[in-house]
Every structure is written in structure tokens, then in C-alpha cells.
Amino acid sequence: MLLLDTEKSNMNTILKTQFERAAELPEENQKVLIDLMDKYCKAIAFENFLKEDHKTSLLLLKGKTGDVLPELNKAKG
């Protein structure tokens, strides 16, 4: 991992290595990373959606994309 030459490695190799490292983390830390990646992917998809000028279809998105780990996003009360 630490010896991985990021200048010579492609992005898939680097990403795979990082996922392998993340798999060694405690479960709670893994859940945080999964939630973060899920939200990031949704944000990128939404950004691309807006760039493609689909603004008239925004109402169709409401409530259509659930969280991968919904228990992380419940309000603590």
C-alpha cells in the first residue's frame, strides 16, 4: 500500500488498494465511508443531471434515491 507508486499506477489500482485498506477498519468507520461515498455519488449524479438541463424532471427525483445505510441518517432523539 505505502509502496504503491501513484505516478505509475492507474486510478483503478489506487482505488482498489484504498478499498482494501478501508476493509480493515472497524465496522463503524466502514459505515461512515460507505455513507460518504453514497452521498458523493448521488451528488455527482445530480450535478450531471443538472448540467444536462433536465431541470423540468426534478420532481421525479424526489424520494427516489434511498440511502445505502439509512440507519446512519436517522435523527437521534
PDB file of N, CA and C in Angstrom:
ATOM      1  N   MET A   1       0.818  -1.199   0.000  1.00  0.00           N
ATOM      2  CA  MET A   1       0.000   0.000   0.000  1.00  0.00           C
ATOM      3  C   MET A   1       0.863   1.264   0.000  1.00  0.00           C
ATOM      4  N   LEU A   2       1.714   1.354   1.007  1.00  0.00           N
ATOM      5  CA  LEU A   2       2.542   2.546   1.089  1.00  0.00           C
ATOM      6  C   LEU A   2       3.589   2.573  -0.012  1.00  0.00           C
ATOM      7  N   LEU A   3       3.900   1.396  -0.559  1.00  0.00           N
ATOM      8  CA  LEU A   3       4.896   1.325  -1.616  1.00  0.00           C
ATOM      9  C   LEU A   3       4.285   1.500  -3.004  1.00  0.00           C
ATOM     10  N   LEU A   4       2.992   1.654  -3.081  1.00  0.00           N
ATOM     11  CA  LEU A   4       2.310   1.831  -4.357  1.00  0.00           C
ATOM     12  C   LEU A   4       2.760   3.141  -5.000  1.00  0.00           C
ATOM     13  N   ASP A   5       3.278   3.045  -6.206  1.00  0.00           N
ATOM     14  CA  ASP A   5       3.736   4.234  -6.929  1.00  0.00           C
ATOM     15  C   ASP A   5       2.536   4.852  -7.639  1.00  0.00           C
ATOM     16  N   THR A   6       1.999   5.900  -7.054  1.00  0.00           N
ATOM     17  CA  THR A   6       0.798   6.523  -7.613  1.00  0.00           C
ATOM     18  C   THR A   6       1.067   7.200  -8.952  1.00  0.00           C
ATOM     19  N   GLU A   7       2.319   7.480  -9.248  1.00  0.00           N
ATOM     20  CA  GLU A   7       2.654   8.088 -10.539  1.00  0.00           C
ATOM     21  C   GLU A   7       2.553   7.065 -11.667  1.00  0.00           C
ATOM     22  N   LYS A   8       2.772   5.779 -11.343  1.00  0.00           N
ATOM     23  CA  LYS A   8       2.774   4.738 -12.367  1.00  0.00           C
ATOM     24  C   LYS A   8       1.520   3.881 -12.334  1.00  0.00           C
ATOM     25  N   SER A   9       0.733   3.991 -11.294  1.00  0.00           N
ATOM     26  CA  SER A   9      -0.471   3.166 -11.145  1.00  0.00           C
ATOM     27  C   SER A   9      -1.678   3.871 -11.739  1.00  0.00           C
ATOM     28  N   ASN A  10      -2.604   3.066 -12.268  1.00  0.00           N
ATOM     29  CA  ASN A  10      -3.820   3.684 -12.778  1.00  0.00           C
ATOM     30  C   ASN A  10      -4.798   3.899 -11.617  1.00  0.00           C
ATOM     31  N   MET A  11      -5.819   4.660 -11.849  1.00  0.00           N
ATOM     32  CA  MET A  11      -6.762   5.034 -10.796  1.00  0.00           C
ATOM     33  C   MET A  11      -7.483   3.822 -10.216  1.00  0.00           C
ATOM     34  N   ASN A  12      -7.785   2.824 -11.045  1.00  0.00           N
ATOM     35  CA  ASN A  12      -8.464   1.635 -10.537  1.00  0.00           C
ATOM     36  C   ASN A  12      -7.605   0.882  -9.524  1.00  0.00           C
ATOM     37  N   THR A  13      -6.313   0.802  -9.760  1.00  0.00           N
ATOM     38  CA  THR A  13      -5.411   0.134  -8.839  1.00  0.00           C
ATOM     39  C   THR A  13      -5.340   0.886  -7.518  1.00  0.00           C
ATOM     40  N   ILE A  14      -5.257   2.201  -7.596  1.00  0.00           N
ATOM     41  CA  ILE A  14      -5.205   3.018  -6.385  1.00  0.00           C
ATOM     42  C   ILE A  14      -6.503   2.879  -5.598  1.00  0.00           C
ATOM     43  N   LEU A  15      -7.625   2.943  -6.291  1.00  0.00           N
ATOM     44  CA  LEU A  15      -8.922   2.814  -5.633  1.00  0.00           C
ATOM     45  C   LEU A  15      -9.075   1.440  -4.984  1.00  0.00           C
ATOM     46  N   LYS A  16      -8.678   0.395  -5.681  1.00  0.00           N
ATOM     47  CA  LYS A  16      -8.743  -0.958  -5.129  1.00  0.00           C
ATOM     48  C   LYS A  16      -7.907  -1.055  -3.854  1.00  0.00           C
ATOM     49  N   THR A  17      -6.727  -0.488  -3.877  1.00  0.00           N
ATOM     50  CA  THR A  17      -5.852  -0.514  -2.703  1.00  0.00           C
ATOM     51  C   THR A  17      -6.497   0.212  -1.530  1.00  0.00           C
ATOM     52  N   GLN A  18      -7.123   1.333  -1.794  1.00  0.00           N
ATOM     53  CA  GLN A  18      -7.771   2.088  -0.723  1.00  0.00           C
ATOM     54  C   GLN A  18      -8.968   1.332  -0.148  1.00  0.00           C
ATOM     55  N   PHE A  19      -9.717   0.643  -1.015  1.00  0.00           N
ATOM     56  CA  PHE A  19     -10.841  -0.168  -0.528  1.00  0.00           C
ATOM     57  C   PHE A  19     -10.338  -1.320   0.345  1.00  0.00           C
ATOM     58  N   GLU A  20      -9.221  -1.911  -0.043  1.00  0.00           N
ATOM     59  CA  GLU A  20      -8.639  -2.983   0.772  1.00  0.00           C
ATOM     60  C   GLU A  20      -8.230  -2.449   2.145  1.00  0.00           C
ATOM     61  N   ARG A  21      -7.670  -1.269   2.180  1.00  0.00           N
ATOM     62  CA  ARG A  21      -7.307  -0.648   3.456  1.00  0.00           C
ATOM     63  C   ARG A  21      -8.551  -0.350   4.286  1.00  0.00           C
ATOM     64  N   ALA A  22      -9.590   0.161   3.637  1.00  0.00           N
ATOM     65  CA  ALA A  22     -10.825   0.503   4.341  1.00  0.00           C
ATOM     66  C   ALA A  22     -11.498  -0.751   4.910  1.00  0.00           C
ATOM     67  N   ALA A  23     -11.338  -1.879   4.236  1.00  0.00           N
ATOM     68  CA  ALA A  23     -11.940  -3.129   4.707  1.00  0.00           C
ATOM     69  C   ALA A  23     -11.339  -3.583   6.035  1.00  0.00           C
ATOM     70  N   GLU A  24     -10.178  -3.069   6.374  1.00  0.00           N
ATOM     71  CA  GLU A  24      -9.517  -3.419   7.628  1.00  0.00           C
ATOM     72  C   GLU A  24      -9.938  -2.517   8.794  1.00  0.00           C
ATOM     73  N   LEU A  25     -10.670  -1.468   8.498  1.00  0.00           N
ATOM     74  CA  LEU A  25     -11.124  -0.544   9.543  1.00  0.00           C
ATOM     75  C   LEU A  25     -12.253  -1.166  10.356  1.00  0.00           C
ATOM     76  N   PRO A  26     -12.481  -0.649  11.562  1.00  0.00           N
ATOM     77  CA  PRO A  26     -13.640  -1.108  12.340  1.00  0.00           C
ATOM     78  C   PRO A  26     -14.942  -0.838  11.574  1.00  0.00           C
ATOM     79  N   GLU A  27     -15.963  -1.628  11.852  1.00  0.00           N
ATOM     80  CA  GLU A  27     -17.226  -1.545  11.123  1.00  0.00           C
ATOM     81  C   GLU A  27     -17.833  -0.147  11.155  1.00  0.00           C
ATOM     82  N   GLU A  28     -17.774   0.518  12.288  1.00  0.00           N
ATOM     83  CA  GLU A  28     -18.352   1.872  12.376  1.00  0.00           C
ATOM     84  C   GLU A  28     -17.655   2.829  11.405  1.00  0.00           C
ATOM     85  N   ASN A  29     -16.349   2.712  11.276  1.00  0.00           N
ATOM     86  CA  ASN A  29     -15.618   3.549  10.327  1.00  0.00           C
ATOM     87  C   ASN A  29     -15.980   3.183   8.886  1.00  0.00           C
ATOM     88  N   GLN A  30     -16.178   1.907   8.627  1.00  0.00           N
ATOM     89  CA  GLN A  30     -16.581   1.470   7.299  1.00  0.00           C
ATOM     90  C   GLN A  30     -17.949   2.042   6.937  1.00  0.00           C
ATOM     91  N   LYS A  31     -18.865   2.057   7.905  1.00  0.00           N
ATOM     92  CA  LYS A  31     -20.201   2.607   7.653  1.00  0.00           C
ATOM     93  C   LYS A  31     -20.124   4.083   7.278  1.00  0.00           C
ATOM     94  N   VAL A  32     -19.254   4.816   7.950  1.00  0.00           N
ATOM     95  CA  VAL A  32     -19.095   6.235   7.646  1.00  0.00           C
ATOM     96  C   VAL A  32     -18.585   6.411   6.218  1.00  0.00           C
ATOM     97  N   LEU A  33     -17.608   5.617   5.832  1.00  0.00           N
ATOM     98  CA  LEU A  33     -17.070   5.712   4.471  1.00  0.00           C
ATOM     99  C   LEU A  33     -18.112   5.332   3.425  1.00  0.00           C
ATOM    100  N   ILE A  34     -18.904   4.302   3.696  1.00  0.00           N
ATOM    101  CA  ILE A  34     -19.957   3.897   2.763  1.00  0.00           C
ATOM    102  C   ILE A  34     -20.974   5.018   2.604  1.00  0.00           C
ATOM    103  N   ASP A  35     -21.366   5.611   3.718  1.00  0.00           N
ATOM    104  CA  ASP A  35     -22.330   6.709   3.674  1.00  0.00           C
ATOM    105  C   ASP A  35     -21.762   7.900   2.900  1.00  0.00           C
ATOM    106  N   LEU A  36     -20.510   8.214   3.139  1.00  0.00           N
ATOM    107  CA  LEU A  36     -19.849   9.316   2.442  1.00  0.00           C
ATOM    108  C   LEU A  36     -19.786   9.061   0.935  1.00  0.00           C
ATOM    109  N   MET A  37     -19.394   7.857   0.545  1.00  0.00           N
ATOM    110  CA  MET A  37     -19.310   7.538  -0.882  1.00  0.00           C
ATOM    111  C   MET A  37     -20.689   7.546  -1.533  1.00  0.00           C
ATOM    112  N   ASP A  38     -21.677   7.046  -0.813  1.00  0.00           N
ATOM    113  CA  ASP A  38     -23.044   7.041  -1.333  1.00  0.00           C
ATOM    114  C   ASP A  38     -23.526   8.465  -1.601  1.00  0.00           C
ATOM    115  N   LYS A  39     -23.325   9.340  -0.643  1.00  0.00           N
ATOM    116  CA  LYS A  39     -23.755  10.735  -0.803  1.00  0.00           C
ATOM    117  C   LYS A  39     -22.961  11.434  -1.911  1.00  0.00           C
ATOM    118  N   TYR A  40     -21.687  11.153  -2.000  1.00  0.00           N
ATOM    119  CA  TYR A  40     -20.858  11.755  -3.039  1.00  0.00           C
ATOM    120  C   TYR A  40     -21.333  11.316  -4.428  1.00  0.00           C
ATOM    121  N   CYS A  41     -21.601  10.027  -4.587  1.00  0.00           N
ATOM    122  CA  CYS A  41     -22.072   9.518  -5.883  1.00  0.00           C
ATOM    123  C   CYS A  41     -23.415  10.130  -6.262  1.00  0.00           C
ATOM    124  N   LYS A  42     -24.305  10.279  -5.279  1.00  0.00           N
ATOM    125  CA  LYS A  42     -25.593  10.920  -5.538  1.00  0.00           C
ATOM    126  C   LYS A  42     -25.404  12.368  -5.955  1.00  0.00           C
ATOM    127  N   ALA A  43     -24.501  13.061  -5.285  1.00  0.00           N
ATOM    128  CA  ALA A  43     -24.259  14.471  -5.606  1.00  0.00           C
ATOM    129  C   ALA A  43     -23.700  14.621  -7.021  1.00  0.00           C
ATOM    130  N   ILE A  44     -22.778  13.758  -7.396  1.00  0.00           N
ATOM    131  CA  ILE A  44     -22.206  13.812  -8.747  1.00  0.00           C
ATOM    132  C   ILE A  44     -23.278  13.504  -9.790  1.00  0.00           C
ATOM    133  N   ALA A  45     -24.107  12.504  -9.520  1.00  0.00           N
ATOM    134  CA  ALA A  45     -25.182  12.168 -10.454  1.00  0.00           C
ATOM    135  C   ALA A  45     -26.154  13.336 -10.594  1.00  0.00           C
ATOM    136  N   PHE A  46     -26.482  13.972  -9.481  1.00  0.00           N
ATOM    137  CA  PHE A  46     -27.392  15.110  -9.505  1.00  0.00           C
ATOM    138  C   PHE A  46     -26.771  16.281 -10.261  1.00  0.00           C
ATOM    139  N   GLU A  47     -25.488  16.523 -10.022  1.00  0.00           N
ATOM    140  CA  GLU A  47     -24.782  17.596 -10.719  1.00  0.00           C
ATOM    141  C   GLU A  47     -24.794  17.346 -12.232  1.00  0.00           C
ATOM    142  N   ASN A  48     -24.525  16.115 -12.644  1.00  0.00           N
ATOM    143  CA  ASN A  48     -24.547  15.777 -14.070  1.00  0.00           C
ATOM    144  C   ASN A  48     -25.952  15.914 -14.644  1.00  0.00           C
ATOM    145  N   PHE A  49     -26.932  15.539 -13.850  1.00  0.00           N
ATOM    146  CA  PHE A  49     -28.330  15.665 -14.258  1.00  0.00           C
ATOM    147  C   PHE A  49     -28.655  17.125 -14.552  1.00  0.00           C
ATOM    148  N   LEU A  50     -28.214  18.017 -13.668  1.00  0.00           N
ATOM    149  CA  LEU A  50     -28.484  19.442 -13.866  1.00  0.00           C
ATOM    150  C   LEU A  50     -27.709  20.010 -15.056  1.00  0.00           C
ATOM    151  N   LYS A  51     -26.496  19.544 -15.255  1.00  0.00           N
ATOM    152  CA  LYS A  51     -25.700  20.012 -16.386  1.00  0.00           C
ATOM    153  C   LYS A  51     -26.342  19.625 -17.712  1.00  0.00           C
ATOM    154  N   GLU A  52     -27.040  18.519 -17.714  1.00  0.00           N
ATOM    155  CA  GLU A  52     -27.687  18.055 -18.930  1.00  0.00           C
ATOM    156  C   GLU A  52     -29.037  18.716 -19.143  1.00  0.00           C
ATOM    157  N   ASP A  53     -29.351  19.699 -18.318  1.00  0.00           N
ATOM    158  CA  ASP A  53     -30.561  20.508 -18.445  1.00  0.00           C
ATOM    159  C   ASP A  53     -31.847  19.684 -18.366  1.00  0.00           C
ATOM    160  N   HIS A  54     -31.940  18.875 -17.330  1.00  0.00           N
ATOM    161  CA  HIS A  54     -33.150  18.106 -17.073  1.00  0.00           C
ATOM    162  C   HIS A  54     -33.932  18.735 -15.921  1.00  0.00           C
ATOM    163  N   LYS A  55     -33.857  20.015 -15.764  1.00  0.00           N
ATOM    164  CA  LYS A  55     -34.465  20.689 -14.623  1.00  0.00           C
ATOM    165  C   LYS A  55     -35.978  20.476 -14.538  1.00  0.00           C
ATOM    166  N   THR A  56     -36.622  20.238 -15.648  1.00  0.00           N
ATOM    167  CA  THR A  56     -38.076  20.044 -15.619  1.00  0.00           C
ATOM    168  C   THR A  56     -38.454  18.715 -14.975  1.00  0.00           C
ATOM    169  N   SER A  57     -37.497  17.800 -14.863  1.00  0.00           N
ATOM    170  CA  SER A  57     -37.779  16.483 -14.297  1.00  0.00           C
ATOM    171  C   SER A  57     -37.332  16.357 -12.841  1.00  0.00           C
ATOM    172  N   LEU A  58     -37.005  17.455 -12.200  1.00  0.00           N
ATOM    173  CA  LEU A  58     -36.520  17.392 -10.820  1.00  0.00           C
ATOM    174  C   LEU A  58     -37.531  16.770  -9.871  1.00  0.00           C
ATOM    175  N   LEU A  59     -38.800  16.983 -10.106  1.00  0.00           N
ATOM    176  CA  LEU A  59     -39.821  16.420  -9.225  1.00  0.00           C
ATOM    177  C   LEU A  59     -39.807  14.889  -9.251  1.00  0.00           C
ATOM    178  N   LEU A  60     -39.353  14.307 -10.329  1.00  0.00           N
ATOM    179  CA  LEU A  60     -39.285  12.853 -10.425  1.00  0.00           C
ATOM    180  C   LEU A  60     -38.237  12.261  -9.499  1.00  0.00           C
ATOM    181  N   LEU A  61     -37.235  13.048  -9.138  1.00  0.00           N
ATOM    182  CA  LEU A  61     -36.162  12.564  -8.278  1.00  0.00           C
ATOM    183  C   LEU A  61     -36.562  12.501  -6.807  1.00  0.00           C
ATOM    184  N   LYS A  62     -37.517  13.278  -6.418  1.00  0.00           N
ATOM    185  CA  LYS A  62     -37.882  13.378  -5.010  1.00  0.00           C
ATOM    186  C   LYS A  62     -38.250  12.008  -4.446  1.00  0.00           C
ATOM    187  N   GLY A  63     -37.501  11.589  -3.440  1.00  0.00           N
ATOM    188  CA  GLY A  63     -37.779  10.334  -2.766  1.00  0.00           C
ATOM    189  C   GLY A  63     -37.377   9.086  -3.531  1.00  0.00           C
ATOM    190  N   LYS A  64     -36.669   9.224  -4.617  1.00  0.00           N
ATOM    191  CA  LYS A  64     -36.331   8.060  -5.432  1.00  0.00           C
ATOM    192  C   LYS A  64     -34.979   7.446  -5.090  1.00  0.00           C
ATOM    193  N   THR A  65     -34.131   8.152  -4.382  1.00  0.00           N
ATOM    194  CA  THR A  65     -32.801   7.628  -4.093  1.00  0.00           C
ATOM    195  C   THR A  65     -32.627   7.478  -2.589  1.00  0.00           C
ATOM    196  N   GLY A  66     -32.771   6.263  -2.113  1.00  0.00           N
ATOM    197  CA  GLY A  66     -32.607   5.995  -0.691  1.00  0.00           C
ATOM    198  C   GLY A  66     -31.144   5.881  -0.314  1.00  0.00           C
ATOM    199  N   ASP A  67     -30.870   5.958   0.962  1.00  0.00           N
ATOM    200  CA  ASP A  67     -29.513   5.813   1.452  1.00  0.00           C
ATOM    201  C   ASP A  67     -29.111   4.346   1.476  1.00  0.00           C
ATOM    202  N   VAL A  68     -27.842   4.070   1.249  1.00  0.00           N
ATOM    203  CA  VAL A  68     -27.328   2.714   1.315  1.00  0.00           C
ATOM    204  C   VAL A  68     -27.438   2.194   2.748  1.00  0.00           C
ATOM    205  N   LEU A  69     -27.095   3.032   3.712  1.00  0.00           N
ATOM    206  CA  LEU A  69     -27.185   2.688   5.132  1.00  0.00           C
ATOM    207  C   LEU A  69     -28.104   3.678   5.821  1.00  0.00           C
ATOM    208  N   PRO A  70     -29.411   3.525   5.679  1.00  0.00           N
ATOM    209  CA  PRO A  70     -30.348   4.522   6.211  1.00  0.00           C
ATOM    210  C   PRO A  70     -30.257   4.717   7.721  1.00  0.00           C
ATOM    211  N   GLU A  71     -29.780   3.715   8.462  1.00  0.00           N
ATOM    212  CA  GLU A  71     -29.702   3.871   9.919  1.00  0.00           C
ATOM    213  C   GLU A  71     -28.700   4.952  10.332  1.00  0.00           C
ATOM    214  N   LEU A  72     -27.751   5.275   9.472  1.00  0.00           N
ATOM    215  CA  LEU A  72     -26.789   6.328   9.801  1.00  0.00           C
ATOM    216  C   LEU A  72     -27.400   7.722   9.710  1.00  0.00           C
ATOM    217  N   ASN A  73     -28.500   7.844   8.995  1.00  0.00           N
ATOM    218  CA  ASN A  73     -29.066   9.150   8.742  1.00  0.00           C
ATOM    219  C   ASN A  73     -30.334   9.426   9.517  1.00  0.00           C
ATOM    220  N   LYS A  74     -30.694   8.511  10.423  1.00  0.00           N
ATOM    221  CA  LYS A  74     -31.861   8.740  11.260  1.00  0.00           C
ATOM    222  C   LYS A  74     -31.518   9.755  12.330  1.00  0.00           C
ATOM    223  N   ALA A  75     -32.458  10.625  12.626  1.00  0.00           N
ATOM    224  CA  ALA A  75     -32.244  11.616  13.675  1.00  0.00           C
ATOM    225  C   ALA A  75     -32.168  10.920  15.021  1.00  0.00           C
ATOM    226  N   LYS A  76     -31.160  11.275  15.778  1.00  0.00           N
ATOM    227  CA  LYS A  76     -31.013  10.691  17.111  1.00  0.00           C
ATOM    228  C   LYS A  76     -31.862  11.488  18.073  1.00  0.00           C
ATOM    229  N   GLY A  77     -32.746  10.807  18.765  1.00  0.00           N
ATOM    230  CA  GLY A  77     -33.620  11.553  19.628  1.00  0.00           C
ATOM    231  C   GLY A  77     -33.993  10.899  20.888  1.00  0.00           C
TER     232      GLY A  77
END
